Amino acid sequence: IGAAWIFKLTRKTESLEPAVKKARFSSVEG
């Protein structure tokens, strides 16, 4: 039952900012 509901929530994720682009703003020294 949960898998069916989660599919509805996550099927459209193209508009999210790519993780690699967001990583440019990292402020960590390591």
mmCIF file of all heavy atoms, coordinates in Angstrom:
data_MODEL
# 
_entry.id   MODEL 
# 
loop_
_atom_site.group_PDB 
_atom_site.id 
_atom_site.type_symbol 
_atom_site.label_atom_id 
_atom_site.label_alt_id 
_atom_site.label_comp_id 
_atom_site.label_asym_id 
_atom_site.label_entity_id 
_atom_site.label_seq_id 
_atom_site.pdbx_PDB_ins_code 
_atom_site.Cartn_x 
_atom_site.Cartn_y 
_atom_site.Cartn_z 
_atom_site.occupancy 
_atom_site.B_iso_or_equiv 
_atom_site.pdbx_formal_charge 
_atom_site.auth_seq_id 
_atom_site.auth_comp_id 
_atom_site.auth_asym_id 
_atom_site.auth_atom_id 
_atom_site.pdbx_PDB_model_num 
ATOM 1   N N   . ILE A 1 1  ? 0.835  -1.208 0.000   1.00 0.00 ? 1  ILE A N   1 
ATOM 2   C CA  . ILE A 1 1  ? 0.000  0.000  0.000   1.00 0.00 ? 1  ILE A CA  1 
ATOM 3   C C   . ILE A 1 1  ? 0.872  1.262  0.000   1.00 0.00 ? 1  ILE A C   1 
ATOM 4   O O   . ILE A 1 1  ? 0.629  2.215  -0.752  1.00 0.00 ? 1  ILE A O   1 
ATOM 5   C CB  . ILE A 1 1  ? -0.940 -0.001 1.216   1.00 0.00 ? 1  ILE A CB  1 
ATOM 6   C CG1 . ILE A 1 1  ? -1.898 -1.189 1.129   1.00 0.00 ? 1  ILE A CG1 1 
ATOM 7   C CG2 . ILE A 1 1  ? -1.717 1.307  1.296   1.00 0.00 ? 1  ILE A CG2 1 
ATOM 8   C CD1 . ILE A 1 1  ? -2.728 -1.412 2.380   1.00 0.00 ? 1  ILE A CD1 1 
ATOM 9   N N   . GLY A 1 2  ? 1.913  1.251  0.840   1.00 0.00 ? 2  GLY A N   1 
ATOM 10  C CA  . GLY A 1 2  ? 2.791  2.412  0.936   1.00 0.00 ? 2  GLY A CA  1 
ATOM 11  C C   . GLY A 1 2  ? 3.549  2.668  -0.348  1.00 0.00 ? 2  GLY A C   1 
ATOM 12  O O   . GLY A 1 2  ? 3.743  3.827  -0.742  1.00 0.00 ? 2  GLY A O   1 
ATOM 13  N N   . ALA A 1 3  ? 3.973  1.616  -1.025  1.00 0.00 ? 3  ALA A N   1 
ATOM 14  C CA  . ALA A 1 3  ? 4.715  1.778  -2.272  1.00 0.00 ? 3  ALA A CA  1 
ATOM 15  C C   . ALA A 1 3  ? 3.871  2.485  -3.323  1.00 0.00 ? 3  ALA A C   1 
ATOM 16  O O   . ALA A 1 3  ? 4.376  3.332  -4.077  1.00 0.00 ? 3  ALA A O   1 
ATOM 17  C CB  . ALA A 1 3  ? 5.188  0.415  -2.783  1.00 0.00 ? 3  ALA A CB  1 
ATOM 18  N N   . ALA A 1 4  ? 2.591  2.162  -3.370  1.00 0.00 ? 4  ALA A N   1 
ATOM 19  C CA  . ALA A 1 4  ? 1.697  2.801  -4.336  1.00 0.00 ? 4  ALA A CA  1 
ATOM 20  C C   . ALA A 1 4  ? 1.565  4.302  -4.040  1.00 0.00 ? 4  ALA A C   1 
ATOM 21  O O   . ALA A 1 4  ? 1.569  5.133  -4.958  1.00 0.00 ? 4  ALA A O   1 
ATOM 22  C CB  . ALA A 1 4  ? 0.328  2.137  -4.299  1.00 0.00 ? 4  ALA A CB  1 
ATOM 23  N N   . TRP A 1 5  ? 1.453  4.659  -2.766  1.00 0.00 ? 5  TRP A N   1 
ATOM 24  C CA  . TRP A 1 5  ? 1.324  6.070  -2.383  1.00 0.00 ? 5  TRP A CA  1 
ATOM 25  C C   . TRP A 1 5  ? 2.626  6.827  -2.654  1.00 0.00 ? 5  TRP A C   1 
ATOM 26  O O   . TRP A 1 5  ? 2.617  7.954  -3.154  1.00 0.00 ? 5  TRP A O   1 
ATOM 27  C CB  . TRP A 1 5  ? 0.950  6.153  -0.907  1.00 0.00 ? 5  TRP A CB  1 
ATOM 28  C CG  . TRP A 1 5  ? 0.831  7.560  -0.389  1.00 0.00 ? 5  TRP A CG  1 
ATOM 29  C CD1 . TRP A 1 5  ? 0.025  8.545  -0.853  1.00 0.00 ? 5  TRP A CD1 1 
ATOM 30  C CD2 . TRP A 1 5  ? 1.574  8.124  0.699   1.00 0.00 ? 5  TRP A CD2 1 
ATOM 31  N NE1 . TRP A 1 5  ? 0.195  9.699  -0.112  1.00 0.00 ? 5  TRP A NE1 1 
ATOM 32  C CE2 . TRP A 1 5  ? 1.129  9.466  0.841   1.00 0.00 ? 5  TRP A CE2 1 
ATOM 33  C CE3 . TRP A 1 5  ? 2.538  7.625  1.568   1.00 0.00 ? 5  TRP A CE3 1 
ATOM 34  C CZ2 . TRP A 1 5  ? 1.647  10.305 1.827   1.00 0.00 ? 5  TRP A CZ2 1 
ATOM 35  C CZ3 . TRP A 1 5  ? 3.039  8.472  2.548   1.00 0.00 ? 5  TRP A CZ3 1 
ATOM 36  C CH2 . TRP A 1 5  ? 2.598  9.795  2.672   1.00 0.00 ? 5  TRP A CH2 1 
ATOM 37  N N   . ILE A 1 6  ? 3.768  6.208  -2.340  1.00 0.00 ? 6  ILE A N   1 
ATOM 38  C CA  . ILE A 1 6  ? 5.066  6.854  -2.545  1.00 0.00 ? 6  ILE A CA  1 
ATOM 39  C C   . ILE A 1 6  ? 5.331  7.088  -4.030  1.00 0.00 ? 6  ILE A C   1 
ATOM 40  O O   . ILE A 1 6  ? 5.913  8.104  -4.417  1.00 0.00 ? 6  ILE A O   1 
ATOM 41  C CB  . ILE A 1 6  ? 6.184  5.999  -1.908  1.00 0.00 ? 6  ILE A CB  1 
ATOM 42  C CG1 . ILE A 1 6  ? 6.025  6.010  -0.390  1.00 0.00 ? 6  ILE A CG1 1 
ATOM 43  C CG2 . ILE A 1 6  ? 7.567  6.512  -2.301  1.00 0.00 ? 6  ILE A CG2 1 
ATOM 44  C CD1 . ILE A 1 6  ? 6.865  4.972  0.311   1.00 0.00 ? 6  ILE A CD1 1 
ATOM 45  N N   . PHE A 1 7  ? 4.908  6.157  -4.866  1.00 0.00 ? 7  PHE A N   1 
ATOM 46  C CA  . PHE A 1 7  ? 5.064  6.325  -6.309  1.00 0.00 ? 7  PHE A CA  1 
ATOM 47  C C   . PHE A 1 7  ? 4.364  7.588  -6.789  1.00 0.00 ? 7  PHE A C   1 
ATOM 48  O O   . PHE A 1 7  ? 4.888  8.347  -7.612  1.00 0.00 ? 7  PHE A O   1 
ATOM 49  C CB  . PHE A 1 7  ? 4.511  5.106  -7.046  1.00 0.00 ? 7  PHE A CB  1 
ATOM 50  C CG  . PHE A 1 7  ? 4.534  5.249  -8.539  1.00 0.00 ? 7  PHE A CG  1 
ATOM 51  C CD1 . PHE A 1 7  ? 5.720  5.116  -9.246  1.00 0.00 ? 7  PHE A CD1 1 
ATOM 52  C CD2 . PHE A 1 7  ? 3.363  5.531  -9.241  1.00 0.00 ? 7  PHE A CD2 1 
ATOM 53  C CE1 . PHE A 1 7  ? 5.748  5.261  -10.619 1.00 0.00 ? 7  PHE A CE1 1 
ATOM 54  C CE2 . PHE A 1 7  ? 3.388  5.678  -10.614 1.00 0.00 ? 7  PHE A CE2 1 
ATOM 55  C CZ  . PHE A 1 7  ? 4.579  5.543  -11.306 1.00 0.00 ? 7  PHE A CZ  1 
ATOM 56  N N   . LYS A 1 8  ? 3.187  7.847  -6.229  1.00 0.00 ? 8  LYS A N   1 
ATOM 57  C CA  . LYS A 1 8  ? 2.434  9.045  -6.603  1.00 0.00 ? 8  LYS A CA  1 
ATOM 58  C C   . LYS A 1 8  ? 3.174  10.312 -6.168  1.00 0.00 ? 8  LYS A C   1 
ATOM 59  O O   . LYS A 1 8  ? 3.158  11.326 -6.883  1.00 0.00 ? 8  LYS A O   1 
ATOM 60  C CB  . LYS A 1 8  ? 1.046  8.992  -5.961  1.00 0.00 ? 8  LYS A CB  1 
ATOM 61  C CG  . LYS A 1 8  ? 0.169  10.188 -6.293  1.00 0.00 ? 8  LYS A CG  1 
ATOM 62  C CD  . LYS A 1 8  ? -1.203 10.055 -5.632  1.00 0.00 ? 8  LYS A CD  1 
ATOM 63  C CE  . LYS A 1 8  ? -2.074 11.268 -5.938  1.00 0.00 ? 8  LYS A CE  1 
ATOM 64  N NZ  . LYS A 1 8  ? -3.412 11.162 -5.279  1.00 0.00 ? 8  LYS A NZ  1 
ATOM 65  N N   . LEU A 1 9  ? 3.845  10.267 -5.012  1.00 0.00 ? 9  LEU A N   1 
ATOM 66  C CA  . LEU A 1 9  ? 4.529  11.449 -4.480  1.00 0.00 ? 9  LEU A CA  1 
ATOM 67  C C   . LEU A 1 9  ? 5.833  11.759 -5.203  1.00 0.00 ? 9  LEU A C   1 
ATOM 68  O O   . LEU A 1 9  ? 6.230  12.923 -5.311  1.00 0.00 ? 9  LEU A O   1 
ATOM 69  C CB  . LEU A 1 9  ? 4.826  11.258 -2.991  1.00 0.00 ? 9  LEU A CB  1 
ATOM 70  C CG  . LEU A 1 9  ? 3.635  11.248 -2.031  1.00 0.00 ? 9  LEU A CG  1 
ATOM 71  C CD1 . LEU A 1 9  ? 4.101  10.919 -0.623  1.00 0.00 ? 9  LEU A CD1 1 
ATOM 72  C CD2 . LEU A 1 9  ? 2.912  12.590 -2.034  1.00 0.00 ? 9  LEU A CD2 1 
ATOM 73  N N   . THR A 1 10 ? 6.519  10.734 -5.676  1.00 0.00 ? 10 THR A N   1 
ATOM 74  C CA  . THR A 1 10 ? 7.901  10.922 -6.164  1.00 0.00 ? 10 THR A CA  1 
ATOM 75  C C   . THR A 1 10 ? 8.065  10.749 -7.661  1.00 0.00 ? 10 THR A C   1 
ATOM 76  O O   . THR A 1 10 ? 9.188  10.791 -8.159  1.00 0.00 ? 10 THR A O   1 
ATOM 77  C CB  . THR A 1 10 ? 8.838  9.921  -5.458  1.00 0.00 ? 10 THR A CB  1 
ATOM 78  O OG1 . THR A 1 10 ? 8.401  8.573  -5.745  1.00 0.00 ? 10 THR A OG1 1 
ATOM 79  C CG2 . THR A 1 10 ? 8.840  10.136 -3.958  1.00 0.00 ? 10 THR A CG2 1 
ATOM 80  N N   . ARG A 1 11 ? 6.990  10.593 -8.408  1.00 0.00 ? 11 ARG A N   1 
ATOM 81  C CA  . ARG A 1 11 ? 7.139  10.290 -9.832  1.00 0.00 ? 11 ARG A CA  1 
ATOM 82  C C   . ARG A 1 11 ? 7.641  11.487 -10.639 1.00 0.00 ? 11 ARG A C   1 
ATOM 83  O O   . ARG A 1 11 ? 8.165  11.330 -11.739 1.00 0.00 ? 11 ARG A O   1 
ATOM 84  C CB  . ARG A 1 11 ? 5.818  9.794  -10.416 1.00 0.00 ? 11 ARG A CB  1 
ATOM 85  C CG  . ARG A 1 11 ? 4.655  10.771 -10.270 1.00 0.00 ? 11 ARG A CG  1 
ATOM 86  C CD  . ARG A 1 11 ? 3.377  10.175 -10.810 1.00 0.00 ? 11 ARG A CD  1 
ATOM 87  N NE  . ARG A 1 11 ? 2.226  11.045 -10.580 1.00 0.00 ? 11 ARG A NE  1 
ATOM 88  C CZ  . ARG A 1 11 ? 1.007  10.763 -11.004 1.00 0.00 ? 11 ARG A CZ  1 
ATOM 89  N NH1 . ARG A 1 11 ? 0.784  9.651  -11.677 1.00 0.00 ? 11 ARG A NH1 1 
ATOM 90  N NH2 . ARG A 1 11 ? 0.013  11.592 -10.744 1.00 0.00 ? 11 ARG A NH2 1 
ATOM 91  N N   . LYS A 1 12 ? 7.504  12.716 -10.120 1.00 0.00 ? 12 LYS A N   1 
ATOM 92  C CA  . LYS A 1 12 ? 7.975  13.898 -10.842 1.00 0.00 ? 12 LYS A CA  1 
ATOM 93  C C   . LYS A 1 12 ? 9.015  14.632 -9.991  1.00 0.00 ? 12 LYS A C   1 
ATOM 94  O O   . LYS A 1 12 ? 8.673  15.333 -9.052  1.00 0.00 ? 12 LYS A O   1 
ATOM 95  C CB  . LYS A 1 12 ? 6.811  14.840 -11.165 1.00 0.00 ? 12 LYS A CB  1 
ATOM 96  C CG  . LYS A 1 12 ? 5.814  14.241 -12.154 1.00 0.00 ? 12 LYS A CG  1 
ATOM 97  C CD  . LYS A 1 12 ? 4.713  15.239 -12.476 1.00 0.00 ? 12 LYS A CD  1 
ATOM 98  C CE  . LYS A 1 12 ? 3.719  14.656 -13.478 1.00 0.00 ? 12 LYS A CE  1 
ATOM 99  N NZ  . LYS A 1 12 ? 2.625  15.619 -13.796 1.00 0.00 ? 12 LYS A NZ  1 
ATOM 100 N N   . THR A 1 13 ? 10.287 14.432 -10.314 1.00 0.00 ? 13 THR A N   1 
ATOM 101 C CA  . THR A 1 13 ? 11.369 15.069 -9.548  1.00 0.00 ? 13 THR A CA  1 
ATOM 102 C C   . THR A 1 13 ? 12.331 15.835 -10.447 1.00 0.00 ? 13 THR A C   1 
ATOM 103 O O   . THR A 1 13 ? 13.384 16.281 -9.999  1.00 0.00 ? 13 THR A O   1 
ATOM 104 C CB  . THR A 1 13 ? 12.164 13.996 -8.779  1.00 0.00 ? 13 THR A CB  1 
ATOM 105 O OG1 . THR A 1 13 ? 12.702 13.045 -9.718  1.00 0.00 ? 13 THR A OG1 1 
ATOM 106 C CG2 . THR A 1 13 ? 11.291 13.277 -7.777  1.00 0.00 ? 13 THR A CG2 1 
ATOM 107 N N   . GLU A 1 14 ? 11.987 16.007 -11.724 1.00 0.00 ? 14 GLU A N   1 
ATOM 108 C CA  . GLU A 1 14 ? 12.911 16.648 -12.665 1.00 0.00 ? 14 GLU A CA  1 
ATOM 109 C C   . GLU A 1 14 ? 13.184 18.103 -12.322 1.00 0.00 ? 14 GLU A C   1 
ATOM 110 O O   . GLU A 1 14 ? 14.242 18.645 -12.648 1.00 0.00 ? 14 GLU A O   1 
ATOM 111 C CB  . GLU A 1 14 ? 12.355 16.569 -14.097 1.00 0.00 ? 14 GLU A CB  1 
ATOM 112 C CG  . GLU A 1 14 ? 12.220 15.149 -14.650 1.00 0.00 ? 14 GLU A CG  1 
ATOM 113 C CD  . GLU A 1 14 ? 10.929 14.471 -14.211 1.00 0.00 ? 14 GLU A CD  1 
ATOM 114 O OE1 . GLU A 1 14 ? 10.162 15.097 -13.450 1.00 0.00 ? 14 GLU A OE1 1 
ATOM 115 O OE2 . GLU A 1 14 ? 10.701 13.326 -14.624 1.00 0.00 ? 14 GLU A OE2 1 
ATOM 116 N N   . SER A 1 15 ? 12.233 18.780 -11.664 1.00 0.00 ? 15 SER A N   1 
ATOM 117 C CA  . SER A 1 15 ? 12.389 20.208 -11.395 1.00 0.00 ? 15 SER A CA  1 
ATOM 118 C C   . SER A 1 15 ? 13.320 20.500 -10.224 1.00 0.00 ? 15 SER A C   1 
ATOM 119 O O   . SER A 1 15 ? 13.680 21.649 -9.981  1.00 0.00 ? 15 SER A O   1 
ATOM 120 C CB  . SER A 1 15 ? 11.021 20.838 -11.099 1.00 0.00 ? 15 SER A CB  1 
ATOM 121 O OG  . SER A 1 15 ? 10.426 20.244 -9.963  1.00 0.00 ? 15 SER A OG  1 
ATOM 122 N N   . LEU A 1 16 ? 13.733 19.479 -9.501  1.00 0.00 ? 16 LEU A N   1 
ATOM 123 C CA  . LEU A 1 16 ? 14.596 19.697 -8.350  1.00 0.00 ? 16 LEU A CA  1 
ATOM 124 C C   . LEU A 1 16 ? 16.010 20.042 -8.784  1.00 0.00 ? 16 LEU A C   1 
ATOM 125 O O   . LEU A 1 16 ? 16.507 19.556 -9.798  1.00 0.00 ? 16 LEU A O   1 
ATOM 126 C CB  . LEU A 1 16 ? 14.621 18.442 -7.465  1.00 0.00 ? 16 LEU A CB  1 
ATOM 127 C CG  . LEU A 1 16 ? 13.293 18.058 -6.802  1.00 0.00 ? 16 LEU A CG  1 
ATOM 128 C CD1 . LEU A 1 16 ? 13.471 16.807 -5.980  1.00 0.00 ? 16 LEU A CD1 1 
ATOM 129 C CD2 . LEU A 1 16 ? 12.766 19.191 -5.942  1.00 0.00 ? 16 LEU A CD2 1 
ATOM 130 N N   . GLU A 1 17 ? 16.685 20.854 -7.990  1.00 0.00 ? 17 GLU A N   1 
ATOM 131 C CA  . GLU A 1 17 ? 18.052 21.266 -8.292  1.00 0.00 ? 17 GLU A CA  1 
ATOM 132 C C   . GLU A 1 17 ? 18.990 20.071 -8.215  1.00 0.00 ? 17 GLU A C   1 
ATOM 133 O O   . GLU A 1 17 ? 18.964 19.323 -7.238  1.00 0.00 ? 17 GLU A O   1 
ATOM 134 C CB  . GLU A 1 17 ? 18.492 22.325 -7.279  1.00 0.00 ? 17 GLU A CB  1 
ATOM 135 C CG  . GLU A 1 17 ? 19.891 22.864 -7.521  1.00 0.00 ? 17 GLU A CG  1 
ATOM 136 C CD  . GLU A 1 17 ? 20.283 23.875 -6.463  1.00 0.00 ? 17 GLU A CD  1 
ATOM 137 O OE1 . GLU A 1 17 ? 19.846 23.724 -5.312  1.00 0.00 ? 17 GLU A OE1 1 
ATOM 138 O OE2 . GLU A 1 17 ? 21.013 24.815 -6.784  1.00 0.00 ? 17 GLU A OE2 1 
ATOM 139 N N   . PRO A 1 18 ? 19.842 19.854 -9.207  1.00 0.00 ? 18 PRO A N   1 
ATOM 140 C CA  . PRO A 1 18 ? 20.771 18.729 -9.174  1.00 0.00 ? 18 PRO A CA  1 
ATOM 141 C C   . PRO A 1 18 ? 21.710 18.824 -7.980  1.00 0.00 ? 18 PRO A C   1 
ATOM 142 O O   . PRO A 1 18 ? 22.147 19.910 -7.603  1.00 0.00 ? 18 PRO A O   1 
ATOM 143 C CB  . PRO A 1 18 ? 21.547 18.861 -10.487 1.00 0.00 ? 18 PRO A CB  1 
ATOM 144 C CG  . PRO A 1 18 ? 20.664 19.671 -11.375 1.00 0.00 ? 18 PRO A CG  1 
ATOM 145 C CD  . PRO A 1 18 ? 19.936 20.615 -10.467 1.00 0.00 ? 18 PRO A CD  1 
ATOM 146 N N   . ALA A 1 19 ? 22.027 17.673 -7.375  1.00 0.00 ? 19 ALA A N   1 
ATOM 147 C CA  . ALA A 1 19 ? 22.898 17.667 -6.201  1.00 0.00 ? 19 ALA A CA  1 
ATOM 148 C C   . ALA A 1 19 ? 24.281 18.202 -6.516  1.00 0.00 ? 19 ALA A C   1 
ATOM 149 O O   . ALA A 1 19 ? 24.897 18.887 -5.710  1.00 0.00 ? 19 ALA A O   1 
ATOM 150 C CB  . ALA A 1 19 ? 22.996 16.241 -5.642  1.00 0.00 ? 19 ALA A CB  1 
ATOM 151 N N   . VAL A 1 20 ? 24.785 17.924 -7.722  1.00 0.00 ? 20 VAL A N   1 
ATOM 152 C CA  . VAL A 1 20 ? 26.133 18.374 -8.067  1.00 0.00 ? 20 VAL A CA  1 
ATOM 153 C C   . VAL A 1 20 ? 26.203 19.889 -8.158  1.00 0.00 ? 20 VAL A C   1 
ATOM 154 O O   . VAL A 1 20 ? 27.203 20.511 -7.820  1.00 0.00 ? 20 VAL A O   1 
ATOM 155 C CB  . VAL A 1 20 ? 26.598 17.728 -9.392  1.00 0.00 ? 20 VAL A CB  1 
ATOM 156 C CG1 . VAL A 1 20 ? 25.774 18.239 -10.565 1.00 0.00 ? 20 VAL A CG1 1 
ATOM 157 C CG2 . VAL A 1 20 ? 28.081 18.033 -9.635  1.00 0.00 ? 20 VAL A CG2 1 
ATOM 158 N N   . LYS A 1 21 ? 25.110 20.546 -8.598  1.00 0.00 ? 21 LYS A N   1 
ATOM 159 C CA  . LYS A 1 21 ? 25.073 22.010 -8.659  1.00 0.00 ? 21 LYS A CA  1 
ATOM 160 C C   . LYS A 1 21 ? 25.015 22.597 -7.254  1.00 0.00 ? 21 LYS A C   1 
ATOM 161 O O   . LYS A 1 21 ? 25.695 23.561 -6.932  1.00 0.00 ? 21 LYS A O   1 
ATOM 162 C CB  . LYS A 1 21 ? 23.860 22.463 -9.469  1.00 0.00 ? 21 LYS A CB  1 
ATOM 163 C CG  . LYS A 1 21 ? 23.742 23.982 -9.583  1.00 0.00 ? 21 LYS A CG  1 
ATOM 164 C CD  . LYS A 1 21 ? 22.531 24.355 -10.428 1.00 0.00 ? 21 LYS A CD  1 
ATOM 165 C CE  . LYS A 1 21 ? 22.379 25.863 -10.538 1.00 0.00 ? 21 LYS A CE  1 
ATOM 166 N NZ  . LYS A 1 21 ? 21.190 26.246 -11.331 1.00 0.00 ? 21 LYS A NZ  1 
ATOM 167 N N   . LYS A 1 22 ? 24.205 21.992 -6.413  1.00 0.00 ? 22 LYS A N   1 
ATOM 168 C CA  . LYS A 1 22 ? 24.072 22.481 -5.049  1.00 0.00 ? 22 LYS A CA  1 
ATOM 169 C C   . LYS A 1 22 ? 25.376 22.353 -4.274  1.00 0.00 ? 22 LYS A C   1 
ATOM 170 O O   . LYS A 1 22 ? 25.673 23.156 -3.394  1.00 0.00 ? 22 LYS A O   1 
ATOM 171 C CB  . LYS A 1 22 ? 22.972 21.689 -4.335  1.00 0.00 ? 22 LYS A CB  1 
ATOM 172 C CG  . LYS A 1 22 ? 22.637 22.220 -2.950  1.00 0.00 ? 22 LYS A CG  1 
ATOM 173 C CD  . LYS A 1 22 ? 21.438 21.481 -2.400  1.00 0.00 ? 22 LYS A CD  1 
ATOM 174 C CE  . LYS A 1 22 ? 21.061 22.043 -1.047  1.00 0.00 ? 22 LYS A CE  1 
ATOM 175 N NZ  . LYS A 1 22 ? 19.867 21.404 -0.495  1.00 0.00 ? 22 LYS A NZ  1 
ATOM 176 N N   . ALA A 1 23 ? 26.178 21.342 -4.629  1.00 0.00 ? 23 ALA A N   1 
ATOM 177 C CA  . ALA A 1 23 ? 27.421 21.096 -3.908  1.00 0.00 ? 23 ALA A CA  1 
ATOM 178 C C   . ALA A 1 23 ? 28.405 22.251 -4.037  1.00 0.00 ? 23 ALA A C   1 
ATOM 179 O O   . ALA A 1 23 ? 29.311 22.401 -3.234  1.00 0.00 ? 23 ALA A O   1 
ATOM 180 C CB  . ALA A 1 23 ? 28.071 19.813 -4.412  1.00 0.00 ? 23 ALA A CB  1 
ATOM 181 N N   . ARG A 1 24 ? 28.265 23.096 -5.056  1.00 0.00 ? 24 ARG A N   1 
ATOM 182 C CA  . ARG A 1 24 ? 29.181 24.216 -5.235  1.00 0.00 ? 24 ARG A CA  1 
ATOM 183 C C   . ARG A 1 24 ? 29.116 25.198 -4.077  1.00 0.00 ? 24 ARG A C   1 
ATOM 184 O O   . ARG A 1 24 ? 30.029 25.979 -3.865  1.00 0.00 ? 24 ARG A O   1 
ATOM 185 C CB  . ARG A 1 24 ? 28.848 24.944 -6.545  1.00 0.00 ? 24 ARG A CB  1 
ATOM 186 C CG  . ARG A 1 24 ? 29.034 24.076 -7.792  1.00 0.00 ? 24 ARG A CG  1 
ATOM 187 C CD  . ARG A 1 24 ? 28.524 24.807 -9.024  1.00 0.00 ? 24 ARG A CD  1 
ATOM 188 N NE  . ARG A 1 24 ? 28.592 23.963 -10.211 1.00 0.00 ? 24 ARG A NE  1 
ATOM 189 C CZ  . ARG A 1 24 ? 28.044 24.283 -11.386 1.00 0.00 ? 24 ARG A CZ  1 
ATOM 190 N NH1 . ARG A 1 24 ? 27.397 25.429 -11.521 1.00 0.00 ? 24 ARG A NH1 1 
ATOM 191 N NH2 . ARG A 1 24 ? 28.128 23.455 -12.419 1.00 0.00 ? 24 ARG A NH2 1 
ATOM 192 N N   . PHE A 1 25 ? 27.994 25.167 -3.350  1.00 0.00 ? 25 PHE A N   1 
ATOM 193 C CA  . PHE A 1 25 ? 27.815 26.114 -2.262  1.00 0.00 ? 25 PHE A CA  1 
ATOM 194 C C   . PHE A 1 25 ? 28.281 25.546 -0.928  1.00 0.00 ? 25 PHE A C   1 
ATOM 195 O O   . PHE A 1 25 ? 28.053 26.126 0.112   1.00 0.00 ? 25 PHE A O   1 
ATOM 196 C CB  . PHE A 1 25 ? 26.338 26.521 -2.166  1.00 0.00 ? 25 PHE A CB  1 
ATOM 197 C CG  . PHE A 1 25 ? 25.830 27.149 -3.429  1.00 0.00 ? 25 PHE A CG  1 
ATOM 198 C CD1 . PHE A 1 25 ? 25.108 26.396 -4.345  1.00 0.00 ? 25 PHE A CD1 1 
ATOM 199 C CD2 . PHE A 1 25 ? 26.078 28.481 -3.707  1.00 0.00 ? 25 PHE A CD2 1 
ATOM 200 C CE1 . PHE A 1 25 ? 24.640 26.977 -5.522  1.00 0.00 ? 25 PHE A CE1 1 
ATOM 201 C CE2 . PHE A 1 25 ? 25.608 29.059 -4.881  1.00 0.00 ? 25 PHE A CE2 1 
ATOM 202 C CZ  . PHE A 1 25 ? 24.890 28.305 -5.785  1.00 0.00 ? 25 PHE A CZ  1 
ATOM 203 N N   . SER A 1 26 ? 28.930 24.372 -0.969  1.00 0.00 ? 26 SER A N   1 
ATOM 204 C CA  . SER A 1 26 ? 29.416 23.758 0.259   1.00 0.00 ? 26 SER A CA  1 
ATOM 205 C C   . SER A 1 26 ? 30.450 24.657 0.928   1.00 0.00 ? 26 SER A C   1 
ATOM 206 O O   . SER A 1 26 ? 31.316 25.219 0.282   1.00 0.00 ? 26 SER A O   1 
ATOM 207 C CB  . SER A 1 26 ? 30.037 22.393 -0.041  1.00 0.00 ? 26 SER A CB  1 
ATOM 208 O OG  . SER A 1 26 ? 30.629 21.860 1.111   1.00 0.00 ? 26 SER A OG  1 
ATOM 209 N N   . SER A 1 27 ? 30.367 24.777 2.262   1.00 0.00 ? 27 SER A N   1 
ATOM 210 C CA  . SER A 1 27 ? 31.313 25.621 3.005   1.00 0.00 ? 27 SER A CA  1 
ATOM 211 C C   . SER A 1 27 ? 32.222 24.785 3.888   1.00 0.00 ? 27 SER A C   1 
ATOM 212 O O   . SER A 1 27 ? 32.725 25.252 4.896   1.00 0.00 ? 27 SER A O   1 
ATOM 213 C CB  . SER A 1 27 ? 30.534 26.617 3.877   1.00 0.00 ? 27 SER A CB  1 
ATOM 214 O OG  . SER A 1 27 ? 29.708 25.937 4.795   1.00 0.00 ? 27 SER A OG  1 
ATOM 215 N N   . VAL A 1 28 ? 32.430 23.523 3.520   1.00 0.00 ? 28 VAL A N   1 
ATOM 216 C CA  . VAL A 1 28 ? 33.205 22.612 4.342   1.00 0.00 ? 28 VAL A CA  1 
ATOM 217 C C   . VAL A 1 28 ? 34.627 22.495 3.839   1.00 0.00 ? 28 VAL A C   1 
ATOM 218 O O   . VAL A 1 28 ? 34.862 22.365 2.642   1.00 0.00 ? 28 VAL A O   1 
ATOM 219 C CB  . VAL A 1 28 ? 32.545 21.212 4.375   1.00 0.00 ? 28 VAL A CB  1 
ATOM 220 C CG1 . VAL A 1 28 ? 33.438 20.236 5.125   1.00 0.00 ? 28 VAL A CG1 1 
ATOM 221 C CG2 . VAL A 1 28 ? 31.192 21.298 5.036   1.00 0.00 ? 28 VAL A CG2 1 
ATOM 222 N N   . GLU A 1 29 ? 35.562 22.576 4.775   1.00 0.00 ? 29 GLU A N   1 
ATOM 223 C CA  . GLU A 1 29 ? 36.954 22.340 4.452   1.00 0.00 ? 29 GLU A CA  1 
ATOM 224 C C   . GLU A 1 29 ? 37.281 20.899 4.829   1.00 0.00 ? 29 GLU A C   1 
ATOM 225 O O   . GLU A 1 29 ? 37.184 20.515 5.985   1.00 0.00 ? 29 GLU A O   1 
ATOM 226 C CB  . GLU A 1 29 ? 37.848 23.309 5.228   1.00 0.00 ? 29 GLU A CB  1 
ATOM 227 C CG  . GLU A 1 29 ? 37.572 24.767 4.915   1.00 0.00 ? 29 GLU A CG  1 
ATOM 228 C CD  . GLU A 1 29 ? 38.397 25.686 5.796   1.00 0.00 ? 29 GLU A CD  1 
ATOM 229 O OE1 . GLU A 1 29 ? 39.285 25.181 6.502   1.00 0.00 ? 29 GLU A OE1 1 
ATOM 230 O OE2 . GLU A 1 29 ? 38.138 26.895 5.766   1.00 0.00 ? 29 GLU A OE2 1 
ATOM 231 N N   . GLY A 1 30 ? 37.653 20.077 3.873   1.00 0.00 ? 30 GLY A N   1 
ATOM 232 C CA  . GLY A 1 30 ? 37.942 18.688 4.157   1.00 0.00 ? 30 GLY A CA  1 
ATOM 233 C C   . GLY A 1 30 ? 38.626 18.026 2.990   1.00 0.00 ? 30 GLY A C   1 
ATOM 234 O O   . GLY A 1 30 ? 39.197 18.683 2.123   1.00 0.00 ? 30 GLY A O   1 
# 
